[in-house]
Amino acid sequence: MTEQIPITEQERAVLLLAAEGYTNQQISRHLGISERAAARRLGEFTDRHGLRGRTHAVAYALRNRLIEPVEPDDG
């Protein structure tokens, strides 16, 4: 049995957009939250899991299937 990794829906949304290369400002606009809230969600996730930053958080989330890889747009 695999251990459940805690993640909120807002953390998941922020990580998905970060994986697509969005800045905190772009994430905040897309989700309708403040830029500070976007940064805080990412920071809370990295702190809780002992990660070293945005890139490490995205890699961790992908590796642990907390988010799905984004398919490139062929258009």
Protein backbone atom coordinates (compact mmCIF):
# COMPACT_ATOMS: atom_id res chain seq x y z
CA MET A 1 0.00 0.00 0.00
CA THR A 2 1.35 3.44 -0.93
CA GLU A 3 1.31 6.30 1.54
CA GLN A 4 -1.04 9.18 0.73
CA ILE A 5 0.84 12.47 0.21
CA PRO A 6 -1.18 15.40 1.54
CA ILE A 7 -1.92 18.14 -0.99
CA THR A 8 -4.69 20.69 -1.12
CA GLU A 9 -6.61 21.39 -4.31
CA GLN A 10 -5.18 24.91 -4.41
CA GLU A 11 -1.62 23.57 -4.02
CA ARG A 12 -2.32 21.14 -6.86
CA ALA A 13 -3.63 23.97 -9.07
CA VAL A 14 -0.57 26.13 -8.30
CA LEU A 15 1.81 23.23 -9.00
CA LEU A 16 0.08 22.44 -12.31
CA LEU A 17 0.51 26.03 -13.47
CA ALA A 18 4.08 26.20 -12.15
CA ALA A 19 4.81 23.05 -14.17
CA GLU A 20 3.63 24.94 -17.25
CA GLY A 21 6.09 27.74 -16.49
CA TYR A 22 3.66 30.28 -15.02
CA THR A 23 5.06 32.92 -12.69
CA ASN A 24 3.38 33.59 -9.33
CA GLN A 25 1.79 36.68 -10.88
CA GLN A 26 0.37 34.64 -13.78
CA ILE A 27 -0.81 31.91 -11.39
CA SER A 28 -2.58 34.50 -9.24
CA ARG A 29 -4.41 35.95 -12.24
CA HIS A 30 -5.37 32.53 -13.56
CA LEU A 31 -6.71 31.29 -10.20
CA GLY A 32 -8.17 34.57 -9.00
CA ILE A 33 -5.99 34.69 -5.89
CA SER A 34 -3.34 37.17 -4.79
CA GLU A 35 0.24 36.78 -5.93
CA ARG A 36 1.21 36.41 -2.28
CA ALA A 37 -1.32 33.57 -1.86
CA ALA A 38 0.11 31.78 -4.90
CA ALA A 39 3.63 32.03 -3.48
CA ARG A 40 2.40 30.96 -0.04
CA ARG A 41 0.68 27.82 -1.40
CA LEU A 42 3.86 26.79 -3.15
CA GLY A 43 5.96 27.62 -0.08
CA GLU A 44 3.70 25.65 2.25
CA PHE A 45 3.98 22.62 -0.03
CA THR A 46 7.78 22.84 -0.31
CA ASP A 47 8.20 23.37 3.44
CA ARG A 48 5.89 20.49 4.38
CA HIS A 49 7.78 18.07 2.13
CA GLY A 50 11.33 19.36 2.75
CA LEU A 51 11.81 20.53 -0.83
CA ARG A 52 14.25 23.18 -2.07
CA GLY A 53 12.07 25.36 -4.25
CA ARG A 54 9.70 25.65 -7.16
CA THR A 55 11.48 23.30 -9.57
CA HIS A 56 12.02 20.67 -6.88
CA ALA A 57 8.34 20.96 -5.86
CA VAL A 58 7.14 20.43 -9.44
CA ALA A 59 9.51 17.48 -9.93
CA TYR A 60 8.35 15.94 -6.63
CA ALA A 61 4.69 16.41 -7.55
CA LEU A 62 5.22 14.80 -10.97
CA ARG A 63 7.30 11.92 -9.59
CA ASN A 64 4.68 11.18 -6.94
CA ARG A 65 1.79 11.57 -9.42
CA LEU A 66 0.25 14.46 -7.53
CA ILE A 67 -0.03 16.24 -10.88
CA GLU A 68 -0.02 14.87 -14.41
CA PRO A 69 2.55 15.91 -17.01
CA VAL A 70 1.30 18.58 -19.37
CA GLU A 71 1.11 17.48 -23.01
CA PRO A 72 2.71 19.94 -25.45
CA ASP A 73 0.35 21.84 -27.70
CA ASP A 74 0.93 20.84 -31.33
CA GLY A 75 -0.77 24.00 -32.57
